N, C-alpha and C. Protein backbone atom coordinates (compact mmCIF):
# COMPACT_ATOMS: atom_id res chain seq x y z
N MET A 1 23.52 21.82 -54.97
CA MET A 1 23.72 20.35 -55.11
C MET A 1 22.42 19.72 -54.47
N ASP A 2 22.00 18.68 -55.17
CA ASP A 2 20.86 17.91 -54.84
C ASP A 2 21.28 16.91 -53.66
N PHE A 3 21.15 17.30 -52.45
CA PHE A 3 21.63 16.45 -51.30
C PHE A 3 20.71 15.17 -51.29
N GLN A 4 19.41 15.41 -51.47
CA GLN A 4 18.47 14.13 -51.36
C GLN A 4 19.01 13.07 -52.42
N ALA A 5 19.26 13.48 -53.69
CA ALA A 5 19.70 12.59 -54.61
C ALA A 5 21.12 12.05 -54.21
N ALA A 6 21.94 12.74 -53.65
CA ALA A 6 23.23 12.28 -53.11
C ALA A 6 23.13 11.15 -51.89
N ARG A 7 22.11 11.45 -51.04
CA ARG A 7 21.70 10.42 -50.09
C ARG A 7 21.36 9.20 -50.74
N ARG A 8 20.49 9.25 -51.73
CA ARG A 8 20.01 8.01 -52.34
C ARG A 8 21.10 7.27 -53.06
N ALA A 9 22.00 8.07 -53.70
CA ALA A 9 23.14 7.35 -54.22
C ALA A 9 24.10 6.71 -53.28
N MET A 10 24.27 7.27 -51.99
CA MET A 10 25.09 6.80 -50.97
C MET A 10 24.50 5.57 -50.54
N VAL A 11 23.18 5.54 -50.30
CA VAL A 11 22.53 4.23 -49.81
C VAL A 11 22.58 3.16 -50.93
N ASP A 12 22.35 3.43 -52.19
CA ASP A 12 22.36 2.45 -53.16
C ASP A 12 23.74 2.02 -53.55
N GLY A 13 24.66 2.98 -53.65
CA GLY A 13 25.89 2.62 -54.12
C GLY A 13 26.94 2.26 -53.08
N GLN A 14 26.76 2.61 -51.76
CA GLN A 14 27.68 2.27 -50.62
C GLN A 14 27.19 1.21 -49.68
N LEU A 15 25.88 1.64 -49.30
CA LEU A 15 25.35 0.57 -48.16
C LEU A 15 24.67 -0.62 -48.73
N ARG A 16 23.90 -0.52 -49.59
CA ARG A 16 23.33 -1.76 -50.13
C ARG A 16 24.42 -2.69 -50.76
N THR A 17 25.44 -2.22 -51.43
CA THR A 17 26.52 -2.97 -51.98
C THR A 17 27.39 -3.54 -50.87
N SER A 18 27.31 -3.08 -49.67
CA SER A 18 28.08 -3.59 -48.53
C SER A 18 27.12 -4.56 -47.60
N GLU A 19 26.04 -4.89 -48.11
CA GLU A 19 25.11 -5.88 -47.39
C GLU A 19 24.45 -5.25 -46.26
N VAL A 20 24.27 -3.86 -46.30
CA VAL A 20 23.46 -3.10 -45.37
C VAL A 20 21.96 -3.24 -45.88
N ASN A 21 21.14 -4.01 -45.17
CA ASN A 21 19.79 -4.17 -45.49
C ASN A 21 18.74 -4.00 -44.35
N HIS A 22 19.19 -3.55 -43.26
CA HIS A 22 18.21 -3.20 -42.20
C HIS A 22 17.23 -2.11 -42.60
N PRO A 23 15.92 -2.32 -42.70
CA PRO A 23 15.05 -1.41 -43.21
C PRO A 23 15.00 0.02 -42.39
N GLY A 24 15.02 -0.25 -41.05
CA GLY A 24 15.09 1.09 -40.39
C GLY A 24 16.34 1.90 -40.50
N LEU A 25 17.44 1.18 -40.56
CA LEU A 25 18.72 1.88 -40.82
C LEU A 25 18.77 2.55 -42.10
N ILE A 26 18.29 1.74 -43.15
CA ILE A 26 18.23 2.27 -44.44
C ILE A 26 17.47 3.64 -44.45
N ALA A 27 16.37 3.57 -43.84
CA ALA A 27 15.33 4.64 -43.77
C ALA A 27 15.91 5.95 -43.06
N ALA A 28 16.68 5.65 -41.98
CA ALA A 28 17.32 6.73 -41.23
C ALA A 28 18.35 7.40 -42.08
N MET A 29 19.22 6.66 -42.82
CA MET A 29 20.32 7.20 -43.48
C MET A 29 19.77 7.86 -44.82
N LEU A 30 18.61 7.53 -45.31
CA LEU A 30 18.03 8.23 -46.40
C LEU A 30 17.39 9.57 -46.01
N ASP A 31 17.04 9.63 -44.67
CA ASP A 31 16.35 10.84 -44.11
C ASP A 31 17.18 11.80 -43.41
N ILE A 32 18.25 11.41 -42.78
CA ILE A 32 19.16 12.37 -42.07
C ILE A 32 20.20 13.09 -42.90
N PRO A 33 20.07 14.39 -42.90
CA PRO A 33 21.11 15.08 -43.86
C PRO A 33 22.39 15.11 -43.34
N ARG A 34 23.30 14.37 -43.78
CA ARG A 34 24.77 14.22 -43.29
C ARG A 34 25.38 15.57 -43.45
N GLU A 35 24.99 16.27 -44.52
CA GLU A 35 25.75 17.56 -44.76
C GLU A 35 25.74 18.60 -43.64
N VAL A 36 24.58 18.60 -42.74
CA VAL A 36 24.52 19.56 -41.76
C VAL A 36 25.41 19.32 -40.55
N PHE A 37 26.05 18.13 -40.61
CA PHE A 37 27.12 17.81 -39.63
C PHE A 37 28.48 18.15 -39.94
N LEU A 38 28.64 18.74 -41.16
CA LEU A 38 30.11 18.99 -41.62
C LEU A 38 30.24 20.52 -41.54
N PRO A 39 31.49 20.92 -41.55
CA PRO A 39 31.78 22.36 -41.79
C PRO A 39 31.26 22.85 -43.16
N GLY A 40 30.97 24.06 -43.26
CA GLY A 40 30.32 24.63 -44.54
C GLY A 40 31.12 24.31 -45.76
N ASP A 41 32.46 24.29 -45.77
CA ASP A 41 33.30 24.15 -46.90
C ASP A 41 33.36 22.66 -47.32
N GLN A 42 32.78 21.68 -46.52
CA GLN A 42 32.74 20.30 -46.77
C GLN A 42 31.52 19.73 -47.16
N THR A 43 30.59 20.50 -47.19
CA THR A 43 29.13 19.95 -47.37
C THR A 43 28.98 19.18 -48.71
N ALA A 44 29.73 19.67 -49.77
CA ALA A 44 29.57 19.00 -51.06
C ALA A 44 30.26 17.62 -51.00
N LEU A 45 30.99 17.39 -49.97
CA LEU A 45 31.76 16.04 -49.87
C LEU A 45 30.94 15.00 -48.95
N ALA A 46 29.71 15.47 -48.50
CA ALA A 46 29.15 14.68 -47.42
C ALA A 46 28.74 13.19 -47.64
N TYR A 47 28.59 12.94 -48.88
CA TYR A 47 28.11 11.55 -49.29
C TYR A 47 29.13 10.70 -50.02
N LEU A 48 30.51 11.20 -49.93
CA LEU A 48 31.51 10.46 -50.46
C LEU A 48 31.91 9.19 -49.65
N ASP A 49 32.45 8.18 -50.21
CA ASP A 49 32.89 7.01 -49.36
C ASP A 49 34.31 7.30 -48.77
N ARG A 50 34.30 8.25 -47.72
CA ARG A 50 35.55 8.58 -47.17
C ARG A 50 35.23 9.17 -45.88
N ASP A 51 36.26 9.11 -44.79
CA ASP A 51 36.23 9.86 -43.54
C ASP A 51 36.34 11.33 -43.79
N LEU A 52 35.44 12.03 -43.18
CA LEU A 52 35.38 13.57 -43.42
C LEU A 52 35.81 14.31 -42.18
N MET A 53 36.83 15.23 -42.30
CA MET A 53 37.19 15.97 -41.10
C MET A 53 36.06 16.97 -40.60
N ILE A 54 35.93 16.89 -39.36
CA ILE A 54 34.91 17.92 -38.80
C ILE A 54 35.53 18.80 -37.68
N ALA A 55 36.78 18.50 -37.33
CA ALA A 55 37.48 19.39 -36.42
C ALA A 55 38.99 19.20 -36.59
N ASP A 56 39.70 20.22 -36.68
CA ASP A 56 41.23 20.23 -36.77
C ASP A 56 41.81 19.63 -35.44
N ALA A 57 43.08 19.08 -35.50
CA ALA A 57 43.93 18.57 -34.46
C ALA A 57 44.20 19.75 -33.57
N THR A 58 44.34 19.54 -32.26
CA THR A 58 44.65 20.46 -31.40
C THR A 58 46.00 20.09 -30.52
N ALA A 59 46.49 20.78 -29.65
CA ALA A 59 47.66 20.35 -28.89
C ALA A 59 47.34 19.19 -28.09
N THR A 60 46.10 18.89 -27.79
CA THR A 60 45.82 17.66 -26.96
C THR A 60 44.98 16.67 -27.56
N GLU A 61 44.35 16.95 -28.74
CA GLU A 61 43.56 15.90 -29.34
C GLU A 61 43.88 15.85 -30.78
N PRO A 62 43.61 14.52 -31.51
CA PRO A 62 43.88 14.49 -32.90
C PRO A 62 42.69 15.14 -33.67
N ALA A 63 42.78 15.25 -35.00
CA ALA A 63 41.69 15.74 -35.78
C ALA A 63 40.56 14.82 -35.69
N ARG A 64 39.38 15.26 -35.88
CA ARG A 64 38.19 14.47 -35.77
C ARG A 64 37.43 14.39 -37.08
N TYR A 65 36.82 13.16 -37.27
CA TYR A 65 36.16 12.80 -38.53
C TYR A 65 34.80 12.23 -38.38
N LEU A 66 33.89 12.38 -39.41
CA LEU A 66 32.78 11.55 -39.54
C LEU A 66 33.27 10.20 -40.22
N MET A 67 32.89 9.10 -39.74
CA MET A 67 33.29 7.81 -40.34
C MET A 67 32.63 7.62 -41.61
N LYS A 68 33.31 6.77 -42.53
CA LYS A 68 32.74 6.36 -43.81
C LYS A 68 31.28 5.92 -43.59
N PRO A 69 30.35 6.30 -44.50
CA PRO A 69 28.94 5.90 -44.23
C PRO A 69 28.69 4.36 -44.19
N ALA A 70 29.41 3.60 -45.05
CA ALA A 70 29.29 2.14 -45.07
C ALA A 70 29.79 1.49 -43.81
N VAL A 71 30.83 2.01 -43.27
CA VAL A 71 31.48 1.46 -42.08
C VAL A 71 30.46 1.67 -40.87
N LEU A 72 30.06 3.01 -40.84
CA LEU A 72 29.13 3.27 -39.76
C LEU A 72 27.85 2.36 -39.80
N ALA A 73 27.32 2.31 -41.01
CA ALA A 73 26.04 1.59 -41.19
C ALA A 73 26.26 0.08 -40.80
N ARG A 74 27.29 -0.50 -41.24
CA ARG A 74 27.60 -1.89 -40.92
C ARG A 74 27.85 -2.12 -39.49
N LEU A 75 28.43 -1.17 -38.85
CA LEU A 75 28.62 -1.29 -37.37
C LEU A 75 27.25 -1.29 -36.60
N ILE A 76 26.35 -0.32 -37.04
CA ILE A 76 25.19 -0.13 -36.35
C ILE A 76 24.17 -1.45 -36.73
N GLN A 77 24.29 -1.80 -37.92
CA GLN A 77 23.61 -3.10 -38.28
C GLN A 77 23.95 -4.29 -37.46
N ALA A 78 25.30 -4.45 -37.12
CA ALA A 78 25.76 -5.53 -36.36
C ALA A 78 25.27 -5.47 -34.99
N ALA A 79 25.32 -4.11 -34.40
CA ALA A 79 24.77 -3.92 -33.05
C ALA A 79 23.30 -4.26 -32.84
N ASP A 80 22.55 -3.99 -33.94
CA ASP A 80 21.14 -4.30 -34.03
C ASP A 80 20.33 -3.65 -32.87
N PRO A 81 20.31 -2.30 -32.78
CA PRO A 81 19.56 -1.74 -31.75
C PRO A 81 18.11 -1.95 -31.97
N ALA A 82 17.32 -2.01 -30.95
CA ALA A 82 15.94 -2.29 -30.97
C ALA A 82 15.21 -0.94 -30.41
N GLN A 83 13.93 -0.82 -30.82
CA GLN A 83 13.22 0.33 -30.46
C GLN A 83 13.01 0.57 -28.90
N HIS A 84 13.13 -0.39 -28.05
CA HIS A 84 12.98 -0.30 -26.62
C HIS A 84 14.35 -0.16 -26.00
N GLU A 85 15.39 -0.10 -26.62
CA GLU A 85 16.84 -0.19 -26.05
C GLU A 85 17.50 1.25 -25.81
N ARG A 86 18.49 1.27 -24.89
CA ARG A 86 19.17 2.43 -24.68
C ARG A 86 20.52 2.26 -25.37
N ALA A 87 21.12 3.34 -25.96
CA ALA A 87 22.37 3.29 -26.69
C ALA A 87 23.23 4.49 -26.25
N LEU A 88 24.63 4.17 -26.33
CA LEU A 88 25.55 5.11 -26.02
C LEU A 88 26.50 5.20 -27.34
N VAL A 89 26.76 6.48 -27.67
CA VAL A 89 27.59 6.82 -28.67
C VAL A 89 28.82 7.46 -28.18
N LEU A 90 29.97 6.88 -28.36
CA LEU A 90 31.17 7.43 -27.80
C LEU A 90 32.03 8.05 -28.94
N GLY A 91 32.39 9.25 -28.78
CA GLY A 91 32.95 10.04 -29.70
C GLY A 91 32.00 10.55 -30.83
N ALA A 92 30.91 11.06 -30.24
CA ALA A 92 29.82 11.46 -31.06
C ALA A 92 30.03 12.64 -32.07
N GLY A 93 31.08 13.32 -31.87
CA GLY A 93 31.39 14.43 -32.74
C GLY A 93 30.36 15.48 -32.97
N SER A 94 29.93 15.79 -34.13
CA SER A 94 28.91 16.78 -34.36
C SER A 94 27.52 16.15 -34.32
N GLY A 95 27.47 14.78 -34.10
CA GLY A 95 26.20 14.13 -33.85
C GLY A 95 25.63 13.30 -34.91
N TYR A 96 26.22 13.03 -36.09
CA TYR A 96 25.57 12.26 -37.17
C TYR A 96 25.23 10.87 -36.73
N ALA A 97 26.10 10.15 -36.10
CA ALA A 97 25.91 8.74 -35.74
C ALA A 97 24.73 8.73 -34.73
N ALA A 98 24.78 9.72 -33.71
CA ALA A 98 23.73 9.73 -32.74
C ALA A 98 22.42 10.01 -33.34
N ALA A 99 22.28 10.85 -34.46
CA ALA A 99 21.02 11.04 -35.13
C ALA A 99 20.52 9.79 -35.73
N VAL A 100 21.44 9.01 -36.40
CA VAL A 100 21.02 7.65 -37.00
C VAL A 100 20.49 6.72 -35.89
N MET A 101 21.18 6.74 -34.92
CA MET A 101 20.82 5.85 -33.74
C MET A 101 19.53 6.23 -33.11
N SER A 102 19.18 7.54 -33.14
CA SER A 102 18.03 8.08 -32.49
C SER A 102 16.77 7.48 -33.14
N ARG A 103 16.84 7.14 -34.45
CA ARG A 103 15.77 6.58 -35.13
C ARG A 103 15.56 5.03 -34.93
N LEU A 104 16.50 4.49 -34.19
CA LEU A 104 16.45 2.92 -34.05
C LEU A 104 16.30 2.52 -32.57
N ALA A 105 16.67 3.49 -31.63
CA ALA A 105 16.70 3.16 -30.25
C ALA A 105 15.83 4.06 -29.48
N ALA A 106 15.36 3.68 -28.25
CA ALA A 106 14.50 4.42 -27.43
C ALA A 106 15.19 5.76 -26.87
N ALA A 107 16.48 5.59 -26.51
CA ALA A 107 17.09 6.83 -25.94
C ALA A 107 18.58 6.62 -26.30
N VAL A 108 19.31 7.76 -26.57
CA VAL A 108 20.62 7.72 -27.01
C VAL A 108 21.41 8.79 -26.06
N VAL A 109 22.64 8.34 -25.52
CA VAL A 109 23.42 9.27 -24.95
C VAL A 109 24.55 9.38 -25.81
N ALA A 110 24.94 10.61 -26.17
CA ALA A 110 26.02 11.02 -27.08
C ALA A 110 27.21 11.62 -26.21
N LEU A 111 28.32 10.92 -26.15
CA LEU A 111 29.44 11.48 -25.42
C LEU A 111 30.41 12.07 -26.29
N GLU A 112 30.91 13.26 -26.04
CA GLU A 112 31.80 13.96 -26.91
C GLU A 112 32.85 14.86 -25.93
N SER A 113 34.13 14.71 -26.32
CA SER A 113 35.07 15.47 -25.51
C SER A 113 35.36 16.98 -26.09
N ASN A 114 35.17 17.17 -27.36
CA ASN A 114 35.39 18.45 -27.93
C ASN A 114 34.21 19.32 -27.65
N ASP A 115 34.40 20.35 -26.96
CA ASP A 115 33.29 21.33 -26.61
C ASP A 115 32.68 21.93 -27.89
N SER A 116 33.38 22.20 -28.78
CA SER A 116 32.86 22.88 -30.06
C SER A 116 31.98 21.85 -30.75
N LEU A 117 32.38 20.70 -30.83
CA LEU A 117 31.55 19.62 -31.59
C LEU A 117 30.38 19.33 -30.71
N ALA A 118 30.43 19.28 -29.44
CA ALA A 118 29.31 19.00 -28.51
C ALA A 118 28.37 20.08 -28.74
N ARG A 119 28.79 21.29 -28.80
CA ARG A 119 27.78 22.52 -29.02
C ARG A 119 27.01 22.35 -30.31
N GLN A 120 27.79 21.92 -31.41
CA GLN A 120 27.30 21.68 -32.69
C GLN A 120 26.17 20.56 -32.56
N ALA A 121 26.52 19.55 -32.00
CA ALA A 121 25.56 18.48 -31.88
C ALA A 121 24.13 18.91 -31.11
N ARG A 122 24.41 19.69 -29.96
CA ARG A 122 23.30 20.09 -29.29
C ARG A 122 22.40 21.06 -30.11
N SER A 123 23.00 21.72 -31.06
CA SER A 123 22.19 22.63 -31.89
C SER A 123 21.46 22.00 -33.04
N VAL A 124 22.22 20.96 -33.71
CA VAL A 124 21.62 20.33 -34.84
C VAL A 124 20.70 19.21 -34.52
N LEU A 125 20.88 18.46 -33.48
CA LEU A 125 20.06 17.29 -33.23
C LEU A 125 18.56 17.65 -32.99
N PRO A 126 18.31 18.50 -32.19
CA PRO A 126 16.87 18.88 -31.84
C PRO A 126 16.16 19.41 -33.23
N SER A 127 16.90 20.09 -34.04
CA SER A 127 16.27 20.55 -35.22
C SER A 127 15.93 19.49 -36.18
N LEU A 128 16.42 18.31 -36.03
CA LEU A 128 16.07 17.07 -36.83
C LEU A 128 15.09 16.15 -36.11
N GLY A 129 14.56 16.59 -35.02
CA GLY A 129 13.60 15.78 -34.36
C GLY A 129 14.23 14.75 -33.45
N CYS A 130 15.54 14.91 -33.11
CA CYS A 130 16.17 13.74 -32.28
C CYS A 130 16.14 14.12 -30.85
N GLU A 131 14.90 14.33 -30.42
CA GLU A 131 14.68 14.64 -28.98
C GLU A 131 15.03 13.63 -28.00
N ASN A 132 15.32 12.41 -28.44
CA ASN A 132 15.71 11.36 -27.49
C ASN A 132 17.17 11.18 -27.41
N VAL A 133 17.97 12.12 -27.89
CA VAL A 133 19.47 12.08 -27.71
C VAL A 133 19.81 13.15 -26.72
N THR A 134 20.61 12.75 -25.75
CA THR A 134 21.15 13.58 -24.75
C THR A 134 22.66 13.68 -24.95
N VAL A 135 23.24 14.86 -25.32
CA VAL A 135 24.67 15.17 -25.49
C VAL A 135 25.32 15.54 -24.29
N VAL A 136 26.46 14.66 -23.93
CA VAL A 136 27.21 14.76 -22.67
C VAL A 136 28.66 15.08 -23.05
N GLU A 137 29.32 15.97 -22.27
CA GLU A 137 30.62 16.30 -22.56
C GLU A 137 31.59 15.61 -21.52
N GLY A 138 32.78 15.01 -22.00
CA GLY A 138 33.45 14.39 -21.01
C GLY A 138 34.69 13.53 -21.89
N PRO A 139 35.55 12.98 -21.14
CA PRO A 139 36.63 12.06 -21.75
C PRO A 139 35.93 10.81 -22.31
N LEU A 140 36.18 10.49 -23.55
CA LEU A 140 35.49 9.49 -24.24
C LEU A 140 35.74 8.02 -23.64
N ALA A 141 36.91 7.72 -23.26
CA ALA A 141 37.21 6.50 -22.81
C ALA A 141 36.52 5.94 -21.57
N GLY A 142 35.93 6.90 -20.74
CA GLY A 142 35.31 6.66 -19.39
C GLY A 142 33.82 6.32 -19.61
N GLY A 143 33.36 6.61 -20.84
CA GLY A 143 31.84 6.41 -21.09
C GLY A 143 31.10 7.20 -20.21
N VAL A 144 29.82 6.89 -20.00
CA VAL A 144 28.93 7.61 -19.18
C VAL A 144 28.15 6.68 -18.26
N PRO A 145 28.90 6.13 -17.13
CA PRO A 145 28.25 5.18 -16.31
C PRO A 145 26.96 5.53 -15.68
N GLY A 146 26.84 6.81 -15.36
CA GLY A 146 25.66 7.29 -14.66
C GLY A 146 24.34 7.05 -15.32
N SER A 147 24.46 7.07 -16.74
CA SER A 147 23.22 6.89 -17.50
C SER A 147 22.97 5.40 -18.04
N GLY A 148 23.85 4.60 -17.67
CA GLY A 148 23.78 3.18 -18.06
C GLY A 148 22.82 2.42 -17.16
N PRO A 149 22.75 1.04 -17.50
CA PRO A 149 23.51 0.39 -18.56
C PRO A 149 22.89 0.53 -19.80
N TYR A 150 23.73 0.25 -20.91
CA TYR A 150 23.25 0.45 -22.22
C TYR A 150 23.20 -1.01 -22.92
N ASP A 151 22.20 -1.03 -23.81
CA ASP A 151 22.05 -2.29 -24.64
C ASP A 151 23.00 -2.30 -25.77
N VAL A 152 23.23 -1.05 -26.21
CA VAL A 152 24.12 -0.88 -27.45
C VAL A 152 25.18 0.23 -27.16
N ILE A 153 26.57 -0.07 -27.21
CA ILE A 153 27.55 1.08 -27.29
C ILE A 153 28.28 1.08 -28.74
N LEU A 154 28.16 2.24 -29.34
CA LEU A 154 28.80 2.36 -30.58
C LEU A 154 29.92 3.37 -30.43
N ILE A 155 31.11 2.97 -30.87
CA ILE A 155 32.19 3.71 -30.82
C ILE A 155 32.42 4.36 -32.17
N ASP A 156 32.16 5.76 -32.28
CA ASP A 156 32.07 6.47 -33.50
C ASP A 156 33.50 6.91 -33.98
N GLY A 157 34.30 5.89 -34.17
CA GLY A 157 35.62 6.24 -34.72
C GLY A 157 36.50 5.00 -34.39
N GLY A 158 37.78 5.02 -34.78
CA GLY A 158 38.71 3.93 -34.53
C GLY A 158 39.25 3.76 -33.10
N VAL A 159 39.54 2.64 -32.73
CA VAL A 159 40.31 2.40 -31.48
C VAL A 159 41.32 1.49 -31.57
N GLU A 160 42.42 1.72 -30.86
CA GLU A 160 43.44 0.70 -30.80
C GLU A 160 43.43 -0.21 -29.60
N THR A 161 42.77 0.35 -28.56
CA THR A 161 42.52 -0.42 -27.25
C THR A 161 41.18 0.01 -26.66
N LEU A 162 40.69 -0.94 -26.03
CA LEU A 162 39.35 -0.75 -25.26
C LEU A 162 39.54 -0.67 -23.79
N PRO A 163 39.04 0.14 -23.00
CA PRO A 163 39.05 0.04 -21.54
C PRO A 163 38.07 -0.94 -21.07
N GLU A 164 38.44 -1.80 -20.23
CA GLU A 164 37.59 -2.84 -19.74
C GLU A 164 36.33 -2.24 -18.92
N GLU A 165 36.51 -1.05 -18.39
CA GLU A 165 35.41 -0.44 -17.61
C GLU A 165 34.18 -0.36 -18.42
N LEU A 166 34.30 -0.30 -19.81
CA LEU A 166 33.08 -0.13 -20.72
C LEU A 166 32.30 -1.43 -20.56
N CYS A 167 32.80 -2.49 -20.18
CA CYS A 167 32.15 -3.78 -20.00
C CYS A 167 31.07 -3.48 -18.90
N GLY A 168 31.33 -2.89 -17.89
CA GLY A 168 30.38 -2.65 -16.85
C GLY A 168 29.24 -1.66 -17.09
N GLN A 169 29.33 -0.95 -18.31
CA GLN A 169 28.26 -0.11 -18.72
C GLN A 169 27.32 -0.79 -19.80
N LEU A 170 27.58 -2.13 -20.02
CA LEU A 170 26.66 -2.83 -20.90
C LEU A 170 25.72 -3.59 -20.05
N SER A 171 24.45 -3.71 -20.69
CA SER A 171 23.39 -4.51 -19.99
C SER A 171 23.80 -5.90 -20.03
N SER A 172 22.95 -6.78 -19.42
CA SER A 172 23.33 -8.22 -19.63
C SER A 172 23.44 -8.75 -21.00
N HIS A 173 22.69 -8.19 -21.84
CA HIS A 173 22.48 -8.64 -23.25
C HIS A 173 23.18 -7.57 -24.18
N GLY A 174 24.11 -6.62 -23.52
CA GLY A 174 24.46 -5.57 -24.26
C GLY A 174 25.56 -5.90 -25.40
N ARG A 175 25.74 -5.00 -26.36
CA ARG A 175 26.63 -5.23 -27.53
C ARG A 175 27.42 -3.90 -27.69
N LEU A 176 28.76 -4.03 -27.97
CA LEU A 176 29.59 -2.99 -28.28
C LEU A 176 30.10 -3.14 -29.58
N VAL A 177 30.16 -2.10 -30.40
CA VAL A 177 30.72 -2.25 -31.66
C VAL A 177 31.85 -1.23 -31.99
N ALA A 178 32.90 -1.66 -32.66
CA ALA A 178 34.04 -0.66 -32.85
C ALA A 178 34.81 -1.20 -34.07
N ALA A 179 35.64 -0.09 -34.63
CA ALA A 179 36.55 -0.41 -35.72
C ALA A 179 37.86 -0.52 -34.93
N VAL A 180 38.45 -1.62 -34.68
CA VAL A 180 39.67 -1.81 -33.84
C VAL A 180 41.00 -2.14 -34.84
N GLY A 181 42.03 -1.26 -34.63
CA GLY A 181 43.17 -1.57 -35.43
C GLY A 181 44.27 -0.49 -35.25
N HIS A 182 45.31 -0.70 -35.99
CA HIS A 182 46.38 0.28 -36.00
C HIS A 182 46.65 0.65 -37.42
N GLY A 183 46.68 2.01 -37.66
CA GLY A 183 46.97 2.55 -38.98
C GLY A 183 45.83 2.15 -39.96
N PRO A 184 46.31 1.75 -41.09
CA PRO A 184 45.29 1.47 -42.27
C PRO A 184 44.66 0.08 -42.05
N VAL A 185 45.18 -0.75 -41.10
CA VAL A 185 44.67 -2.01 -40.93
C VAL A 185 43.72 -2.15 -39.76
N GLY A 186 42.45 -2.48 -39.83
CA GLY A 186 41.51 -2.55 -38.82
C GLY A 186 40.42 -3.64 -39.02
N LYS A 187 39.67 -3.98 -38.00
CA LYS A 187 38.62 -4.92 -38.13
C LYS A 187 37.48 -4.38 -37.33
N ALA A 188 36.28 -4.43 -37.92
CA ALA A 188 35.07 -4.13 -37.14
C ALA A 188 34.78 -5.24 -36.23
N THR A 189 34.50 -5.09 -35.06
CA THR A 189 34.48 -6.06 -33.99
C THR A 189 33.27 -5.85 -33.15
N LEU A 190 32.55 -6.96 -32.87
CA LEU A 190 31.36 -6.92 -31.95
C LEU A 190 31.78 -7.46 -30.62
N PHE A 191 31.60 -6.71 -29.63
CA PHE A 191 31.99 -7.25 -28.27
C PHE A 191 30.75 -7.33 -27.34
N GLN A 192 30.90 -8.43 -26.45
CA GLN A 192 29.99 -8.56 -25.27
C GLN A 192 30.70 -8.70 -24.05
N CYS A 193 30.01 -8.47 -23.05
CA CYS A 193 30.70 -8.70 -21.74
C CYS A 193 30.51 -10.17 -21.20
N VAL A 194 31.59 -10.80 -21.07
CA VAL A 194 31.64 -12.36 -20.59
C VAL A 194 32.64 -12.30 -19.33
N ASN A 195 31.92 -12.74 -18.24
CA ASN A 195 32.65 -12.79 -16.94
C ASN A 195 33.49 -11.56 -16.59
N GLY A 196 32.85 -10.45 -16.90
CA GLY A 196 33.34 -9.15 -16.42
C GLY A 196 34.45 -8.58 -17.38
N LYS A 197 34.64 -9.29 -18.58
CA LYS A 197 35.60 -8.80 -19.59
C LYS A 197 35.05 -8.65 -21.01
N LEU A 198 35.50 -7.77 -21.82
CA LEU A 198 35.04 -7.63 -23.18
C LEU A 198 35.61 -8.79 -24.00
N SER A 199 34.63 -9.56 -24.55
CA SER A 199 34.95 -10.53 -25.53
C SER A 199 34.46 -10.23 -26.90
N GLY A 200 35.44 -10.28 -27.95
CA GLY A 200 35.10 -9.84 -29.24
C GLY A 200 35.01 -10.76 -30.37
N ARG A 201 34.32 -10.49 -31.41
CA ARG A 201 34.07 -11.34 -32.57
C ARG A 201 34.28 -10.50 -33.78
N VAL A 202 35.29 -10.79 -34.67
CA VAL A 202 35.62 -9.88 -35.80
C VAL A 202 34.46 -10.09 -36.78
N LEU A 203 34.05 -8.99 -37.28
CA LEU A 203 32.85 -8.96 -38.29
C LEU A 203 33.36 -8.73 -39.78
N PHE A 204 34.23 -7.70 -40.01
CA PHE A 204 34.67 -7.34 -41.33
C PHE A 204 35.84 -6.45 -41.32
N GLY A 205 36.46 -6.31 -42.27
CA GLY A 205 37.75 -5.40 -42.27
C GLY A 205 37.12 -4.03 -42.34
N ALA A 206 37.73 -3.10 -41.54
CA ALA A 206 37.31 -1.78 -41.49
C ALA A 206 38.34 -0.85 -40.47
N ASN A 207 38.59 0.31 -41.00
CA ASN A 207 39.50 1.15 -40.29
C ASN A 207 38.76 2.56 -40.16
N ALA A 208 39.20 3.30 -39.16
CA ALA A 208 38.66 4.67 -38.99
C ALA A 208 39.65 5.49 -38.18
N PRO A 209 39.76 6.78 -38.24
CA PRO A 209 40.65 7.54 -37.55
C PRO A 209 40.35 7.26 -36.01
N VAL A 210 41.49 7.12 -35.35
CA VAL A 210 41.47 6.80 -33.89
C VAL A 210 40.92 8.05 -33.03
N LEU A 211 40.04 7.63 -32.16
CA LEU A 211 39.44 8.67 -31.24
C LEU A 211 40.51 8.90 -30.12
N PRO A 212 40.36 10.10 -29.58
CA PRO A 212 41.19 10.57 -28.33
C PRO A 212 40.85 9.60 -27.21
N GLY A 213 41.88 9.08 -26.54
CA GLY A 213 41.63 8.17 -25.39
C GLY A 213 41.54 6.73 -25.72
N PHE A 214 41.64 6.45 -27.04
CA PHE A 214 41.53 5.04 -27.41
C PHE A 214 42.79 4.64 -28.27
N ASP A 215 43.81 5.47 -28.01
CA ASP A 215 45.01 4.93 -28.70
C ASP A 215 46.00 4.23 -27.72
N VAL A 216 46.90 3.55 -28.36
CA VAL A 216 47.94 2.94 -27.49
C VAL A 216 49.21 3.83 -27.42
N ALA A 217 49.69 4.06 -26.16
CA ALA A 217 50.83 4.91 -25.91
C ALA A 217 52.05 4.14 -26.48
N PRO A 218 52.83 5.03 -27.14
CA PRO A 218 54.07 4.51 -27.74
C PRO A 218 55.08 3.89 -26.64
N ILE A 219 55.80 2.90 -26.97
CA ILE A 219 56.73 2.33 -26.11
C ILE A 219 58.14 2.69 -26.57
N PHE A 220 58.79 3.37 -25.73
CA PHE A 220 60.24 3.76 -26.00
C PHE A 220 61.28 2.81 -25.45
N VAL A 221 62.05 2.47 -26.45
CA VAL A 221 63.21 1.56 -26.07
C VAL A 221 64.47 2.13 -26.16
N PHE A 222 65.23 2.05 -25.02
CA PHE A 222 66.53 2.74 -24.96
C PHE A 222 67.73 1.67 -25.45
């Protein structure tokens, strides 16, 4: 398979048609091989307009996915990371979103709760020259306060709820982007910290598989 041609088709057919026009972001997604972040039997699917499974569900966590390319690109474009800024990727998985962010920000912390995915990210990212990415293992919803504050927080997956403590990990001008919703209905939202609380503005319709720790516990009625 000609992966370079597939990357070009992804950018032209999915990103540009979704109003993704940030030059640095386009260049990053043309350069970074999405296929190396997938299991071997899924590499041929790397550039399709769909969420792609990268880890099976376990007894304690749901299955994990790479987000659709256009949804990821539009979230990053909305966050607008700058070359001097620090970024945090929550739910980094095997590292694809962190690799893209590494081309746009000065330093990236990639938080992942799945030890197998974290090991894969630590293996793949240096081979792509992403030396400014630090992979950290831990629960996703808590963030990584010790390495903050961050100018950009990207949640690399869907969320049903956002913990307010993430507000304290944003810099004074920090932005957090996430696909917020329940089931097939969701909205990409840009958040900032206002008076100690996350305040959001809806950007566009988008949904993604919910990350562990960002789901709403079911309410049982007797």
